[in-house]
Every structure is written in C-alpha cells, then in structure tokens.
Protein backbone atom coordinates (compact mmCIF):
# COMPACT_ATOMS: atom_id res chain seq x y z
CA UNK A 1 -0.07 -0.05 0.03
CA UNK A 2 1.16 3.55 -0.63
CA UNK A 3 2.38 5.88 2.10
CA UNK A 4 -0.61 7.45 4.05
CA UNK A 5 -2.04 10.62 2.56
CA UNK A 6 -3.93 12.61 5.39
CA UNK A 7 -7.40 13.98 4.71
CA UNK A 8 -8.17 17.65 4.61
CA UNK A 9 -9.38 18.56 8.18
CA UNK A 10 -12.75 19.87 6.93
CA UNK A 11 -13.38 16.31 5.37
CA UNK A 12 -12.21 14.57 8.56
CA UNK A 13 -15.15 16.37 10.27
CA UNK A 14 -17.66 14.59 8.24
CA UNK A 15 -16.19 11.20 9.34
CA UNK A 16 -16.35 12.39 12.96
CA UNK A 17 -19.98 13.37 12.63
CA UNK A 18 -20.91 10.04 10.93
CA UNK A 19 -19.25 8.15 13.88
CA UNK A 20 -20.94 10.43 16.52
CA UNK A 21 -24.38 9.64 15.17
CA UNK A 22 -23.58 6.03 14.11
CA UNK A 23 -24.69 6.62 10.55
CA UNK A 24 -24.93 3.74 8.17
CA UNK A 25 -22.91 4.67 5.20
CA UNK A 26 -22.62 3.68 1.45
CA UNK A 27 -18.81 3.69 1.01
CA UNK A 28 -16.98 3.99 -2.16
CA UNK A 29 -13.21 3.00 -2.26
CA UNK A 30 -10.64 4.32 -4.51
CA UNK A 31 -10.16 0.84 -6.04
CA UNK A 32 -13.70 0.82 -7.38
CA UNK A 33 -15.23 -1.47 -4.58
CA UNK A 34 -18.27 -0.25 -2.65
CA UNK A 35 -19.81 -1.36 0.56
CA UNK A 36 -22.38 -0.44 3.28
CA UNK A 37 -21.47 -0.36 6.91
CA UNK A 38 -22.14 1.63 10.15
CA UNK A 39 -19.59 4.21 11.30
CA UNK A 40 -18.25 3.59 14.70
CA UNK A 41 -15.16 5.68 15.29
CA UNK A 42 -11.91 6.63 13.87
CA UNK A 43 -8.51 5.28 14.89
CA UNK A 44 -5.02 6.76 14.55
CA UNK A 45 -1.67 5.01 14.72
CA UNK A 46 1.72 6.61 14.30
CA UNK A 47 1.47 6.51 10.62
CA UNK A 48 -2.06 6.04 9.48
CA UNK A 49 -5.65 6.94 10.19
CA UNK A 50 -8.71 4.54 9.89
CA UNK A 51 -12.44 4.64 9.99
CA UNK A 52 -13.77 1.86 11.99
CA UNK A 53 -17.01 0.28 10.89
CA UNK A 54 -19.44 -2.40 11.56
CA UNK A 55 -21.09 -4.51 8.83
CA UNK A 56 -22.38 -8.19 8.93
CA UNK A 57 -21.99 -8.30 12.64
CA UNK A 58 -18.30 -7.67 12.54
CA UNK A 59 -16.15 -4.58 13.08
CA UNK A 60 -13.30 -3.77 10.50
CA UNK A 61 -11.41 -0.75 9.53
CA UNK A 62 -10.50 1.10 6.36
CA UNK A 63 -7.49 3.33 5.93
CA UNK A 64 -8.86 6.88 5.34
CA UNK A 65 -6.99 7.60 2.08
CA UNK A 66 -8.69 4.58 0.49
CA UNK A 67 -12.11 6.22 0.80
CA UNK A 68 -13.33 7.78 -2.40
CA UNK A 69 -16.66 8.96 -1.00
CA UNK A 70 -19.24 8.37 1.69
CA UNK A 71 -23.04 8.73 1.51
CA UNK A 72 -25.07 8.46 4.69
CA UNK A 73 -28.08 6.20 4.43
CA UNK A 74 -29.50 7.06 7.78
CA UNK A 75 -32.73 9.21 7.49
CA UNK A 76 -32.27 12.72 8.61
CA UNK A 77 -28.33 12.66 8.22
CA UNK A 78 -26.65 16.13 8.37
CA UNK A 79 -24.96 15.79 5.10
CA UNK A 80 -25.05 14.19 1.82
CA UNK A 81 -22.52 12.40 -0.39
CA UNK A 82 -18.99 13.68 0.51
CA UNK A 83 -16.18 13.00 -1.88
CA UNK A 84 -12.90 12.38 0.02
CA UNK A 85 -10.32 11.29 -2.54
CA UNK A 86 -8.68 13.98 -4.67
CA UNK A 87 -9.05 16.39 -1.65
CA UNK A 88 -5.94 15.19 0.20
CA UNK A 89 -2.87 17.16 1.16
CA UNK A 90 0.39 16.35 -0.70
CA UNK A 91 2.71 14.27 1.37
C-alpha cells in the first residue's frame, strides 16, 4: 500500500459526525469497490488513520486515504455524499 495521505481537516469532520451519530454509510473505495457499513469511530496510529466500521456483525477498518466517497443512508443525516479522494494534502 502507498504511504498514507492525510485527509483535509474539513473532510475529517464529516467522518467524525458520521461516527458520533452512528450513521449507516454507503462507502465508495478508490479501488472501485463499494460497501455499506455503520460508522463507529476513527483510529489513529503513528503512521495512518482509519475509519472503524461495523457490517455483517463484525467490526473492521479502512484506511482513510482508501475512501473515495461516503454517503449517509441514515434518515435525517446532516450531510449528503462527500467525496474524500482527490481532496487530500500532498505528502
């Protein structure tokens, strides 16, 4: 995997909001795959940041720079589709 590319802080706020409210998300990945899962929290290591999700009864995580876009499926969500890839800072 490539070196981690941090997200713009404004975009990170949408992930935090999704986790705070436990939104069910439609998630598009930069490799073309898509999935649906509930946002739980974010996790940071010394080198990477992850979105922790729950789907099919199991928790898993996705490195933030692998997210192309998120769309909340939860009724009354406070935002719509947010594109994340292409909005990253240079290394």
